[in-house]
Amino acid sequence: MEQASAGTSYRFSLTRPGSKPGLLKAVLALAVKETEIIFGKARLKLEAGYDVSAAKPVCVIEGGTECGEHLAKLLAGFLIKQVGEFGFRVQRLRNGKGG
């Protein structure tokens, strides 16, 4: 299994027409809570930064750690259930650039 390197982030974008940022926020909140249960609040805060755009259905999660990768995988799984495999896109970013 490939391990993400430090400096890797993931940009999740909802591509389904009419998708609102609120949907992504709600699904991310579930993934954050689940990750918090496994890793704890402090480790989540230190190792898995995340941000959701207020204007567009887009969020970025810092990967490169076990905690960050866990959060990104949970979000991907939850989004598959909510909007389907083709209802969102994930881009791997390295050092702030598309990869």
Protein backbone atom coordinates (compact mmCIF):
# COMPACT_ATOMS: atom_id res chain seq x y z
CA MET A 1 0.00 0.00 0.00
CA GLU A 2 1.37 3.41 -0.96
CA GLN A 3 2.00 5.77 1.95
CA ALA A 4 1.40 9.47 1.31
CA SER A 5 4.44 11.62 1.80
CA ALA A 6 4.64 14.62 4.09
CA GLY A 7 3.28 17.71 2.37
CA THR A 8 0.51 15.79 0.61
CA SER A 9 -3.00 17.18 0.78
CA TYR A 10 -6.23 16.09 -0.83
CA ARG A 11 -8.73 18.44 -2.47
CA PHE A 12 -12.24 17.01 -2.54
CA SER A 13 -14.68 18.69 -4.95
CA LEU A 14 -18.32 17.76 -5.39
CA THR A 15 -19.04 17.50 -9.10
CA ARG A 16 -22.69 16.52 -8.98
CA PRO A 17 -24.78 19.40 -10.39
CA GLY A 18 -26.47 21.44 -7.67
CA SER A 19 -24.15 20.24 -4.89
CA LYS A 20 -23.99 22.72 -2.03
CA PRO A 21 -21.07 23.34 0.32
CA GLY A 22 -23.38 22.39 3.21
CA LEU A 23 -23.50 18.76 2.07
CA LEU A 24 -19.71 18.52 2.04
CA LYS A 25 -19.52 20.23 5.44
CA ALA A 26 -21.98 17.75 6.95
CA VAL A 27 -20.20 14.70 5.54
CA LEU A 28 -16.80 16.09 6.61
CA ALA A 29 -18.16 16.64 10.13
CA LEU A 30 -19.04 12.93 10.32
CA ALA A 31 -15.58 11.93 9.10
CA VAL A 32 -13.93 14.30 11.61
CA LYS A 33 -15.95 12.85 14.51
CA GLU A 34 -15.05 9.29 13.51
CA THR A 35 -11.37 10.18 13.17
CA GLU A 36 -11.48 11.92 16.55
CA ILE A 37 -12.81 8.72 18.16
CA ILE A 38 -9.89 6.71 16.78
CA PHE A 39 -7.02 9.19 17.18
CA GLY A 40 -8.22 11.72 19.78
CA LYS A 41 -8.79 15.46 19.50
CA ALA A 42 -5.18 16.48 20.03
CA ARG A 43 -3.74 14.19 17.38
CA LEU A 44 -6.47 15.17 14.92
CA LYS A 45 -5.68 18.85 15.52
CA LEU A 46 -1.94 18.31 15.06
CA GLU A 47 -1.89 15.83 12.18
CA ALA A 48 -4.99 16.33 10.05
CA GLY A 49 -5.78 19.91 9.14
CA TYR A 50 -8.86 20.45 7.03
CA ASP A 51 -10.78 23.37 5.54
CA VAL A 52 -14.08 23.73 3.66
CA SER A 53 -14.79 26.55 1.23
CA ALA A 54 -17.77 28.69 2.22
CA ALA A 55 -18.56 29.48 -1.42
CA LYS A 56 -17.98 26.18 -3.26
CA PRO A 57 -18.42 22.49 -2.41
CA VAL A 58 -14.65 22.01 -2.00
CA CYS A 59 -12.51 20.97 0.98
CA VAL A 60 -8.83 20.26 1.55
CA ILE A 61 -7.46 17.70 4.00
CA GLU A 62 -3.81 17.52 5.00
CA GLY A 63 -2.54 13.99 4.48
CA GLY A 64 0.92 12.58 5.01
CA THR A 65 0.14 11.15 8.46
CA GLU A 66 -1.83 8.13 9.56
CA CYS A 67 -4.49 10.40 11.05
CA GLY A 68 -4.77 12.62 7.96
CA GLU A 69 -4.94 9.62 5.64
CA HIS A 70 -7.65 8.08 7.82
CA LEU A 71 -9.72 11.27 7.63
CA ALA A 72 -9.34 11.46 3.83
CA LYS A 73 -10.32 7.80 3.40
CA LEU A 74 -13.37 8.19 5.61
CA LEU A 75 -14.48 11.29 3.72
CA ALA A 76 -14.07 9.48 0.40
CA GLY A 77 -16.10 6.52 1.67
CA PHE A 78 -18.88 8.71 3.05
CA LEU A 79 -19.02 10.73 -0.19
CA ILE A 80 -19.32 7.55 -2.26
CA LYS A 81 -22.39 6.66 -0.21
CA GLN A 82 -23.87 10.19 -0.42
CA VAL A 83 -23.18 11.28 -4.01
CA GLY A 84 -21.83 8.15 -5.72
CA GLU A 85 -18.40 7.38 -7.10
CA PHE A 86 -18.72 9.94 -9.86
CA GLY A 87 -20.35 12.66 -7.77
CA PHE A 88 -17.01 13.98 -6.49
CA ARG A 89 -13.35 14.29 -7.46
CA VAL A 90 -10.21 14.00 -5.35
CA GLN A 91 -6.96 15.69 -6.36
CA ARG A 92 -3.68 14.89 -4.65
CA LEU A 93 -1.76 18.08 -3.97
CA ARG A 94 1.92 18.22 -3.08
CA ASN A 95 3.35 21.33 -1.43
CA GLY A 96 0.31 23.33 -2.50
CA LYS A 97 0.46 22.25 -6.17
CA GLY A 98 -1.72 19.82 -8.09
CA GLY A 99 -0.14 16.41 -8.45
